[in-house]
Amino acid sequence: MNSERFGIIRKSVLTNSGKTDCNISVLDGILNILPAGLTRILQLTLSNLVDAYKKNELLLNTKIALYMLSSILVDRAEPSEL
């Protein structure tokens, strides 16, 4: 779901069906967010390069996260950093 306050959120329910109390810790997140502009074909054909060059940043004191590539995707042995 989307939330104006929190961005992308997941709603879930956890039920203890046992007879004793228990303590739990939950760590949740979204995996494999792709940078804008990446096509499905590009992800399917160059997924190792996409994974190698994916970069993300959180802008301090904001609710903005940046998802980008740190290099142009080329399958050659030469540097192409942005």
PDB file of N, CA and C in Angstrom:
ATOM      1  N   MET A   1       0.845  -1.174   0.000  1.00  0.00           N
ATOM      2  CA  MET A   1       0.000   0.000   0.000  1.00  0.00           C
ATOM      3  C   MET A   1       0.892   1.239   0.000  1.00  0.00           C
ATOM      4  N   ASN A   2       0.311   2.353  -0.306  1.00  0.00           N
ATOM      5  CA  ASN A   2       1.022   3.625  -0.245  1.00  0.00           C
ATOM      6  C   ASN A   2       0.498   4.458   0.911  1.00  0.00           C
ATOM      7  N   SER A   3       1.371   5.217   1.504  1.00  0.00           N
ATOM      8  CA  SER A   3       1.012   6.096   2.600  1.00  0.00           C
ATOM      9  C   SER A   3       1.680   7.436   2.360  1.00  0.00           C
ATOM     10  N   GLU A   4       0.928   8.519   2.478  1.00  0.00           N
ATOM     11  CA  GLU A   4       1.526   9.841   2.301  1.00  0.00           C
ATOM     12  C   GLU A   4       2.595  10.095   3.355  1.00  0.00           C
ATOM     13  N   ARG A   5       2.371   9.587   4.550  1.00  0.00           N
ATOM     14  CA  ARG A   5       3.324   9.819   5.640  1.00  0.00           C
ATOM     15  C   ARG A   5       4.560   8.935   5.550  1.00  0.00           C
ATOM     16  N   PHE A   6       4.372   7.620   5.194  1.00  0.00           N
ATOM     17  CA  PHE A   6       5.481   6.665   5.253  1.00  0.00           C
ATOM     18  C   PHE A   6       5.954   6.158   3.888  1.00  0.00           C
ATOM     19  N   GLY A   7       5.286   6.478   2.816  1.00  0.00           N
ATOM     20  CA  GLY A   7       5.669   5.964   1.497  1.00  0.00           C
ATOM     21  C   GLY A   7       5.081   4.591   1.271  1.00  0.00           C
ATOM     22  N   ILE A   8       5.903   3.651   0.833  1.00  0.00           N
ATOM     23  CA  ILE A   8       5.442   2.287   0.578  1.00  0.00           C
ATOM     24  C   ILE A   8       5.370   1.540   1.900  1.00  0.00           C
ATOM     25  N   ILE A   9       4.208   0.985   2.198  1.00  0.00           N
ATOM     26  CA  ILE A   9       4.038   0.237   3.450  1.00  0.00           C
ATOM     27  C   ILE A   9       3.391  -1.120   3.172  1.00  0.00           C
ATOM     28  N   ARG A  10       3.582  -2.018   4.094  1.00  0.00           N
ATOM     29  CA  ARG A  10       2.969  -3.333   4.016  1.00  0.00           C
ATOM     30  C   ARG A  10       2.110  -3.515   5.260  1.00  0.00           C
ATOM     31  N   LYS A  11       0.919  -3.992   5.072  1.00  0.00           N
ATOM     32  CA  LYS A  11       0.045  -4.274   6.202  1.00  0.00           C
ATOM     33  C   LYS A  11       0.012  -5.785   6.391  1.00  0.00           C
ATOM     34  N   SER A  12       0.277  -6.226   7.609  1.00  0.00           N
ATOM     35  CA  SER A  12       0.262  -7.659   7.893  1.00  0.00           C
ATOM     36  C   SER A  12      -0.260  -7.890   9.301  1.00  0.00           C
ATOM     37  N   VAL A  13      -0.647  -9.116   9.548  1.00  0.00           N
ATOM     38  CA  VAL A  13      -1.173  -9.509  10.849  1.00  0.00           C
ATOM     39  C   VAL A  13      -0.363 -10.697  11.341  1.00  0.00           C
ATOM     40  N   LEU A  14       0.041 -10.639  12.590  1.00  0.00           N
ATOM     41  CA  LEU A  14       0.788 -11.731  13.209  1.00  0.00           C
ATOM     42  C   LEU A  14      -0.055 -12.272  14.351  1.00  0.00           C
ATOM     43  N   THR A  15      -0.322 -13.553  14.314  1.00  0.00           N
ATOM     44  CA  THR A  15      -1.179 -14.172  15.329  1.00  0.00           C
ATOM     45  C   THR A  15      -0.413 -15.272  16.057  1.00  0.00           C
ATOM     46  N   ASN A  16      -0.419 -15.206  17.369  1.00  0.00           N
ATOM     47  CA  ASN A  16       0.171 -16.266  18.176  1.00  0.00           C
ATOM     48  C   ASN A  16      -0.924 -17.295  18.441  1.00  0.00           C
ATOM     49  N   SER A  17      -0.828 -18.433  17.776  1.00  0.00           N
ATOM     50  CA  SER A  17      -1.841 -19.470  17.961  1.00  0.00           C
ATOM     51  C   SER A  17      -1.430 -20.485  19.027  1.00  0.00           C
ATOM     52  N   GLY A  18      -0.302 -20.229  19.686  1.00  0.00           N
ATOM     53  CA  GLY A  18       0.156 -21.113  20.755  1.00  0.00           C
ATOM     54  C   GLY A  18      -0.467 -20.735  22.090  1.00  0.00           C
ATOM     55  N   LYS A  19      -0.104 -21.468  23.110  1.00  0.00           N
ATOM     56  CA  LYS A  19      -0.673 -21.228  24.438  1.00  0.00           C
ATOM     57  C   LYS A  19       0.239 -20.401  25.322  1.00  0.00           C
ATOM     58  N   THR A  20       1.461 -20.120  24.851  1.00  0.00           N
ATOM     59  CA  THR A  20       2.389 -19.339  25.664  1.00  0.00           C
ATOM     60  C   THR A  20       2.750 -18.042  24.947  1.00  0.00           C
ATOM     61  N   ASP A  21       3.090 -17.028  25.747  1.00  0.00           N
ATOM     62  CA  ASP A  21       3.531 -15.766  25.167  1.00  0.00           C
ATOM     63  C   ASP A  21       4.893 -15.957  24.508  1.00  0.00           C
ATOM     64  N   CYS A  22       5.183 -15.135  23.543  1.00  0.00           N
ATOM     65  CA  CYS A  22       6.496 -15.198  22.906  1.00  0.00           C
ATOM     66  C   CYS A  22       6.951 -13.791  22.547  1.00  0.00           C
ATOM     67  N   ASN A  23       8.240 -13.618  22.457  1.00  0.00           N
ATOM     68  CA  ASN A  23       8.827 -12.347  22.029  1.00  0.00           C
ATOM     69  C   ASN A  23       9.332 -12.507  20.609  1.00  0.00           C
ATOM     70  N   ILE A  24       9.073 -11.513  19.789  1.00  0.00           N
ATOM     71  CA  ILE A  24       9.531 -11.581  18.405  1.00  0.00           C
ATOM     72  C   ILE A  24      10.196 -10.272  18.018  1.00  0.00           C
ATOM     73  N   SER A  25      11.014 -10.342  16.994  1.00  0.00           N
ATOM     74  CA  SER A  25      11.573  -9.159  16.347  1.00  0.00           C
ATOM     75  C   SER A  25      11.245  -9.277  14.875  1.00  0.00           C
ATOM     76  N   VAL A  26      10.866  -8.179  14.256  1.00  0.00           N
ATOM     77  CA  VAL A  26      10.504  -8.192  12.842  1.00  0.00           C
ATOM     78  C   VAL A  26      11.377  -7.191  12.100  1.00  0.00           C
ATOM     79  N   LEU A  27      11.993  -7.662  11.050  1.00  0.00           N
ATOM     80  CA  LEU A  27      12.761  -6.805  10.162  1.00  0.00           C
ATOM     81  C   LEU A  27      12.148  -6.977   8.784  1.00  0.00           C
ATOM     82  N   ASP A  28      11.661  -5.902   8.218  1.00  0.00           N
ATOM     83  CA  ASP A  28      10.949  -5.990   6.957  1.00  0.00           C
ATOM     84  C   ASP A  28      11.504  -4.952   5.997  1.00  0.00           C
ATOM     85  N   GLY A  29      11.433  -5.237   4.743  1.00  0.00           N
ATOM     86  CA  GLY A  29      11.898  -4.277   3.743  1.00  0.00           C
ATOM     87  C   GLY A  29      11.555  -4.742   2.349  1.00  0.00           C
ATOM     88  N   ILE A  30      11.898  -3.926   1.399  1.00  0.00           N
ATOM     89  CA  ILE A  30      11.654  -4.232  -0.002  1.00  0.00           C
ATOM     90  C   ILE A  30      12.996  -4.587  -0.632  1.00  0.00           C
ATOM     91  N   LEU A  31      13.040  -5.704  -1.330  1.00  0.00           N
ATOM     92  CA  LEU A  31      14.269  -6.144  -1.976  1.00  0.00           C
ATOM     93  C   LEU A  31      14.258  -5.800  -3.460  1.00  0.00           C
ATOM     94  N   ASN A  32      15.421  -5.574  -3.989  1.00  0.00           N
ATOM     95  CA  ASN A  32      15.648  -5.441  -5.427  1.00  0.00           C
ATOM     96  C   ASN A  32      14.844  -4.313  -6.072  1.00  0.00           C
ATOM     97  N   ILE A  33      14.866  -3.131  -5.485  1.00  0.00           N
ATOM     98  CA  ILE A  33      14.262  -1.970  -6.132  1.00  0.00           C
ATOM     99  C   ILE A  33      15.173  -1.572  -7.279  1.00  0.00           C
ATOM    100  N   LEU A  34      14.592  -1.418  -8.455  1.00  0.00           N
ATOM    101  CA  LEU A  34      15.373  -1.099  -9.636  1.00  0.00           C
ATOM    102  C   LEU A  34      15.356   0.398  -9.910  1.00  0.00           C
ATOM    103  N   PRO A  35      16.448   0.932 -10.415  1.00  0.00           N
ATOM    104  CA  PRO A  35      16.480   2.350 -10.791  1.00  0.00           C
ATOM    105  C   PRO A  35      15.486   2.638 -11.910  1.00  0.00           C
ATOM    106  N   ALA A  36      15.008   3.866 -11.970  1.00  0.00           N
ATOM    107  CA  ALA A  36      14.064   4.272 -13.004  1.00  0.00           C
ATOM    108  C   ALA A  36      14.687   4.095 -14.381  1.00  0.00           C
ATOM    109  N   GLY A  37      13.879   3.717 -15.335  1.00  0.00           N
ATOM    110  CA  GLY A  37      14.341   3.600 -16.709  1.00  0.00           C
ATOM    111  C   GLY A  37      14.855   2.228 -17.091  1.00  0.00           C
ATOM    112  N   LEU A  38      15.048   1.346 -16.128  1.00  0.00           N
ATOM    113  CA  LEU A  38      15.501  -0.001 -16.449  1.00  0.00           C
ATOM    114  C   LEU A  38      14.323  -0.805 -16.998  1.00  0.00           C
ATOM    115  N   THR A  39      14.503  -1.338 -18.174  1.00  0.00           N
ATOM    116  CA  THR A  39      13.426  -2.129 -18.774  1.00  0.00           C
ATOM    117  C   THR A  39      13.513  -3.574 -18.303  1.00  0.00           C
ATOM    118  N   ARG A  40      12.441  -4.279 -18.479  1.00  0.00           N
ATOM    119  CA  ARG A  40      12.406  -5.700 -18.112  1.00  0.00           C
ATOM    120  C   ARG A  40      13.441  -6.474 -18.928  1.00  0.00           C
ATOM    121  N   ILE A  41      13.551  -6.173 -20.203  1.00  0.00           N
ATOM    122  CA  ILE A  41      14.520  -6.855 -21.070  1.00  0.00           C
ATOM    123  C   ILE A  41      15.948  -6.602 -20.591  1.00  0.00           C
ATOM    124  N   LEU A  42      16.242  -5.354 -20.237  1.00  0.00           N
ATOM    125  CA  LEU A  42      17.581  -5.023 -19.736  1.00  0.00           C
ATOM    126  C   LEU A  42      17.881  -5.788 -18.455  1.00  0.00           C
ATOM    127  N   GLN A  43      16.916  -5.867 -17.563  1.00  0.00           N
ATOM    128  CA  GLN A  43      17.098  -6.615 -16.310  1.00  0.00           C
ATOM    129  C   GLN A  43      17.304  -8.094 -16.600  1.00  0.00           C
ATOM    130  N   LEU A  44      16.578  -8.633 -17.560  1.00  0.00           N
ATOM    131  CA  LEU A  44      16.709 -10.060 -17.878  1.00  0.00           C
ATOM    132  C   LEU A  44      18.032 -10.378 -18.566  1.00  0.00           C
ATOM    133  N   THR A  45      18.524  -9.478 -19.423  1.00  0.00           N
ATOM    134  CA  THR A  45      19.730  -9.786 -20.191  1.00  0.00           C
ATOM    135  C   THR A  45      21.020  -9.382 -19.488  1.00  0.00           C
ATOM    136  N   LEU A  46      20.984  -8.324 -18.677  1.00  0.00           N
ATOM    137  CA  LEU A  46      22.197  -7.835 -18.020  1.00  0.00           C
ATOM    138  C   LEU A  46      22.033  -7.745 -16.506  1.00  0.00           C
ATOM    139  N   SER A  47      21.333  -8.693 -15.921  1.00  0.00           N
ATOM    140  CA  SER A  47      21.011  -8.602 -14.489  1.00  0.00           C
ATOM    141  C   SER A  47      22.253  -8.562 -13.607  1.00  0.00           C
ATOM    142  N   ASN A  48      23.313  -9.272 -13.973  1.00  0.00           N
ATOM    143  CA  ASN A  48      24.529  -9.239 -13.153  1.00  0.00           C
ATOM    144  C   ASN A  48      25.155  -7.850 -13.162  1.00  0.00           C
ATOM    145  N   LEU A  49      25.169  -7.191 -14.320  1.00  0.00           N
ATOM    146  CA  LEU A  49      25.697  -5.831 -14.381  1.00  0.00           C
ATOM    147  C   LEU A  49      24.803  -4.855 -13.637  1.00  0.00           C
ATOM    148  N   VAL A  50      23.485  -5.029 -13.781  1.00  0.00           N
ATOM    149  CA  VAL A  50      22.546  -4.170 -13.054  1.00  0.00           C
ATOM    150  C   VAL A  50      22.789  -4.302 -11.562  1.00  0.00           C
ATOM    151  N   ASP A  51      22.906  -5.527 -11.070  1.00  0.00           N
ATOM    152  CA  ASP A  51      23.153  -5.741  -9.639  1.00  0.00           C
ATOM    153  C   ASP A  51      24.489  -5.145  -9.205  1.00  0.00           C
ATOM    154  N   ALA A  52      25.506  -5.260 -10.061  1.00  0.00           N
ATOM    155  CA  ALA A  52      26.830  -4.746  -9.713  1.00  0.00           C
ATOM    156  C   ALA A  52      26.856  -3.221  -9.622  1.00  0.00           C
ATOM    157  N   TYR A  53      26.064  -2.549 -10.450  1.00  0.00           N
ATOM    158  CA  TYR A  53      26.128  -1.090 -10.518  1.00  0.00           C
ATOM    159  C   TYR A  53      24.966  -0.381  -9.825  1.00  0.00           C
ATOM    160  N   LYS A  54      24.057  -1.135  -9.201  1.00  0.00           N
ATOM    161  CA  LYS A  54      22.966  -0.482  -8.466  1.00  0.00           C
ATOM    162  C   LYS A  54      23.527   0.274  -7.268  1.00  0.00           C
ATOM    163  N   LYS A  55      22.991   1.442  -7.035  1.00  0.00           N
ATOM    164  CA  LYS A  55      23.446   2.273  -5.919  1.00  0.00           C
ATOM    165  C   LYS A  55      22.219   2.945  -5.316  1.00  0.00           C
ATOM    166  N   ASN A  56      22.196   3.101  -4.006  1.00  0.00           N
ATOM    167  CA  ASN A  56      21.087   3.818  -3.382  1.00  0.00           C
ATOM    168  C   ASN A  56      21.615   4.731  -2.292  1.00  0.00           C
ATOM    169  N   GLU A  57      20.891   5.806  -2.081  1.00  0.00           N
ATOM    170  CA  GLU A  57      21.254   6.782  -1.049  1.00  0.00           C
ATOM    171  C   GLU A  57      19.983   7.279  -0.379  1.00  0.00           C
ATOM    172  N   LEU A  58      20.095   7.608   0.883  1.00  0.00           N
ATOM    173  CA  LEU A  58      19.018   8.258   1.614  1.00  0.00           C
ATOM    174  C   LEU A  58      19.467   9.680   1.891  1.00  0.00           C
ATOM    175  N   LEU A  59      18.696  10.649   1.431  1.00  0.00           N
ATOM    176  CA  LEU A  59      19.047  12.041   1.682  1.00  0.00           C
ATOM    177  C   LEU A  59      18.723  12.367   3.126  1.00  0.00           C
ATOM    178  N   LEU A  60      19.745  12.770   3.871  1.00  0.00           N
ATOM    179  CA  LEU A  60      19.571  13.043   5.292  1.00  0.00           C
ATOM    180  C   LEU A  60      18.538  14.136   5.525  1.00  0.00           C
ATOM    181  N   ASN A  61      17.806  14.013   6.611  1.00  0.00           N
ATOM    182  CA  ASN A  61      16.772  14.959   7.028  1.00  0.00           C
ATOM    183  C   ASN A  61      15.640  15.079   6.014  1.00  0.00           C
ATOM    184  N   THR A  62      15.473  14.072   5.183  1.00  0.00           N
ATOM    185  CA  THR A  62      14.344  14.039   4.240  1.00  0.00           C
ATOM    186  C   THR A  62      13.766  12.638   4.244  1.00  0.00           C
ATOM    187  N   LYS A  63      12.723  12.458   3.493  1.00  0.00           N
ATOM    188  CA  LYS A  63      12.146  11.126   3.305  1.00  0.00           C
ATOM    189  C   LYS A  63      12.413  10.660   1.882  1.00  0.00           C
ATOM    190  N   ILE A  64      13.503  11.141   1.293  1.00  0.00           N
ATOM    191  CA  ILE A  64      13.791  10.846  -0.104  1.00  0.00           C
ATOM    192  C   ILE A  64      14.907   9.812  -0.204  1.00  0.00           C
ATOM    193  N   ALA A  65      14.639   8.753  -0.955  1.00  0.00           N
ATOM    194  CA  ALA A  65      15.640   7.734  -1.252  1.00  0.00           C
ATOM    195  C   ALA A  65      15.923   7.782  -2.748  1.00  0.00           C
ATOM    196  N   LEU A  66      17.185   7.677  -3.109  1.00  0.00           N
ATOM    197  CA  LEU A  66      17.588   7.692  -4.511  1.00  0.00           C
ATOM    198  C   LEU A  66      18.059   6.305  -4.907  1.00  0.00           C
ATOM    199  N   TYR A  67      17.566   5.801  -6.023  1.00  0.00           N
ATOM    200  CA  TYR A  67      17.969   4.511  -6.565  1.00  0.00           C
ATOM    201  C   TYR A  67      18.516   4.778  -7.963  1.00  0.00           C
ATOM    202  N   MET A  68      19.788   4.460  -8.185  1.00  0.00           N
ATOM    203  CA  MET A  68      20.427   4.804  -9.451  1.00  0.00           C
ATOM    204  C   MET A  68      21.479   3.770  -9.814  1.00  0.00           C
ATOM    205  N   LEU A  69      22.033   3.934 -10.997  1.00  0.00           N
ATOM    206  CA  LEU A  69      23.167   3.127 -11.424  1.00  0.00           C
ATOM    207  C   LEU A  69      24.419   3.974 -11.285  1.00  0.00           C
ATOM    208  N   SER A  70      25.509   3.365 -10.857  1.00  0.00           N
ATOM    209  CA  SER A  70      26.759   4.108 -10.687  1.00  0.00           C
ATOM    210  C   SER A  70      27.611   4.084 -11.952  1.00  0.00           C
ATOM    211  N   SER A  71      27.159   3.385 -12.981  1.00  0.00           N
ATOM    212  CA  SER A  71      27.902   3.305 -14.225  1.00  0.00           C
ATOM    213  C   SER A  71      26.947   2.967 -15.359  1.00  0.00           C
ATOM    214  N   ILE A  72      27.381   3.268 -16.574  1.00  0.00           N
ATOM    215  CA  ILE A  72      26.622   2.873 -17.757  1.00  0.00           C
ATOM    216  C   ILE A  72      26.770   1.363 -17.908  1.00  0.00           C
ATOM    217  N   LEU A  73      25.695   0.694 -18.309  1.00  0.00           N
ATOM    218  CA  LEU A  73      25.736  -0.755 -18.451  1.00  0.00           C
ATOM    219  C   LEU A  73      26.342  -1.133 -19.796  1.00  0.00           C
ATOM    220  N   VAL A  74      27.587  -1.528 -19.776  1.00  0.00           N
ATOM    221  CA  VAL A  74      28.248  -2.051 -20.973  1.00  0.00           C
ATOM    222  C   VAL A  74      28.923  -3.353 -20.591  1.00  0.00           C
ATOM    223  N   ASP A  75      28.910  -4.287 -21.493  1.00  0.00           N
ATOM    224  CA  ASP A  75      29.507  -5.591 -21.236  1.00  0.00           C
ATOM    225  C   ASP A  75      30.874  -5.674 -21.911  1.00  0.00           C
ATOM    226  N   ARG A  76      31.716  -4.664 -21.637  1.00  0.00           N
ATOM    227  CA  ARG A  76      33.082  -4.614 -22.179  1.00  0.00           C
ATOM    228  C   ARG A  76      34.051  -4.352 -21.029  1.00  0.00           C
ATOM    229  N   ALA A  77      35.271  -4.706 -21.227  1.00  0.00           N
ATOM    230  CA  ALA A  77      36.293  -4.530 -20.186  1.00  0.00           C
ATOM    231  C   ALA A  77      36.911  -3.142 -20.276  1.00  0.00           C
ATOM    232  N   GLU A  78      36.068  -2.110 -20.095  1.00  0.00           N
ATOM    233  CA  GLU A  78      36.564  -0.741 -20.067  1.00  0.00           C
ATOM    234  C   GLU A  78      35.703   0.061 -19.099  1.00  0.00           C
ATOM    235  N   PRO A  79      36.273   1.026 -18.401  1.00  0.00           N
ATOM    236  CA  PRO A  79      35.515   1.793 -17.411  1.00  0.00           C
ATOM    237  C   PRO A  79      34.495   2.722 -18.076  1.00  0.00           C
ATOM    238  N   SER A  80      33.320   2.849 -17.444  1.00  0.00           N
ATOM    239  CA  SER A  80      32.267   3.728 -17.961  1.00  0.00           C
ATOM    240  C   SER A  80      31.559   4.439 -16.819  1.00  0.00           C
ATOM    241  N   GLU A  81      32.277   4.732 -15.743  1.00  0.00           N
ATOM    242  CA  GLU A  81      31.646   5.364 -14.587  1.00  0.00           C
ATOM    243  C   GLU A  81      31.058   6.705 -14.956  1.00  0.00           C
ATOM    244  N   LEU A  82      29.959   7.031 -14.300  1.00  0.00           N
ATOM    245  CA  LEU A  82      29.289   8.313 -14.539  1.00  0.00           C
ATOM    246  C   LEU A  82      29.919   9.412 -13.728  1.00  0.00           C
TER     247      LEU A  82
END
